[in-house]
Amino acid sequence: MVELNSFLVGWIACYRYAARRSELQRLDEWIRRKLRCYLLKPRRHGSSLFEFLRRLEVSASQAGGLGRQI
């Protein structure tokens, strides 16, 4: 993640004036979604998924529902 962060900071600093803000925002959203997927992959059991989602400040009812589905 450190390597990804340094790459993205440099890339955005270089292209922030050339690219439109909406394109950079979409890229940011995509990267965050992929990082969440990467972090969720090893959490296949309901209790570890529930705890992970609660640390991300997901409500207990939503986290519990997702934890029971898996």
Protein backbone atom coordinates (compact mmCIF):
# COMPACT_ATOMS: atom_id res chain seq x y z
CA MET A 1 0.00 0.00 0.00
CA VAL A 2 2.95 2.30 0.63
CA GLU A 3 4.20 1.69 -2.89
CA LEU A 4 0.73 2.32 -4.34
CA ASN A 5 0.41 5.53 -2.32
CA SER A 6 3.73 6.93 -3.51
CA PHE A 7 2.89 6.02 -7.11
CA LEU A 8 -0.54 7.67 -6.94
CA VAL A 9 0.69 10.83 -5.22
CA GLY A 10 3.31 11.30 -7.92
CA TRP A 11 0.91 10.51 -10.72
CA ILE A 12 -1.77 12.87 -9.45
CA ALA A 13 0.74 15.67 -8.86
CA CYS A 14 1.86 15.32 -12.45
CA TYR A 15 -1.58 15.11 -14.09
CA ARG A 16 -3.87 17.08 -11.79
CA TYR A 17 -3.88 20.17 -14.01
CA ALA A 18 -4.30 18.29 -17.28
CA ALA A 19 -7.09 15.91 -16.26
CA ARG A 20 -10.56 16.90 -15.27
CA ARG A 21 -11.41 16.70 -11.60
CA SER A 22 -14.25 14.23 -12.23
CA GLU A 23 -11.89 11.73 -13.86
CA LEU A 24 -9.52 11.87 -10.88
CA GLN A 25 -12.46 11.45 -8.51
CA ARG A 26 -13.68 8.37 -10.41
CA LEU A 27 -10.17 6.93 -10.31
CA ASP A 28 -10.02 7.56 -6.55
CA GLU A 29 -13.36 5.82 -6.04
CA TRP A 30 -12.24 2.82 -8.12
CA ILE A 31 -8.95 2.48 -6.23
CA ARG A 32 -10.71 2.67 -2.85
CA ARG A 33 -13.23 0.02 -3.94
CA LYS A 34 -10.46 -2.32 -5.11
CA LEU A 35 -8.53 -1.84 -1.86
CA ARG A 36 -11.67 -2.71 0.14
CA CYS A 37 -12.11 -5.84 -1.98
CA TYR A 38 -8.50 -6.78 -1.31
CA LEU A 39 -8.98 -6.32 2.44
CA LEU A 40 -12.29 -8.21 2.50
CA LYS A 41 -11.08 -11.26 0.59
CA PRO A 42 -9.46 -13.13 3.51
CA ARG A 43 -12.47 -12.47 5.78
CA ARG A 44 -14.70 -15.34 4.74
CA HIS A 45 -16.22 -16.01 8.17
CA GLY A 46 -19.11 -13.94 9.42
CA SER A 47 -17.58 -12.80 12.70
CA SER A 48 -14.33 -11.50 11.19
CA LEU A 49 -16.30 -9.77 8.43
CA PHE A 50 -18.60 -8.19 11.02
CA GLU A 51 -15.65 -6.88 13.05
CA PHE A 52 -13.94 -5.53 9.92
CA LEU A 53 -17.07 -3.69 8.79
CA ARG A 54 -17.64 -2.24 12.26
CA ARG A 55 -14.09 -0.83 12.21
CA LEU A 56 -15.06 0.85 8.92
CA GLU A 57 -17.99 2.44 10.81
CA VAL A 58 -20.70 0.43 9.07
CA SER A 59 -23.82 0.23 11.22
CA ALA A 60 -24.20 -2.90 13.35
CA SER A 61 -27.41 -3.94 11.59
CA GLN A 62 -25.87 -3.68 8.12
CA ALA A 63 -22.64 -5.38 9.19
CA GLY A 64 -24.58 -8.14 10.92
CA GLY A 65 -26.71 -8.73 7.84
CA LEU A 66 -23.67 -9.07 5.63
CA GLY A 67 -21.90 -11.27 8.15
CA ARG A 68 -24.84 -13.68 8.24
CA GLN A 69 -25.08 -13.87 4.44
CA ILE A 70 -21.60 -15.28 4.08
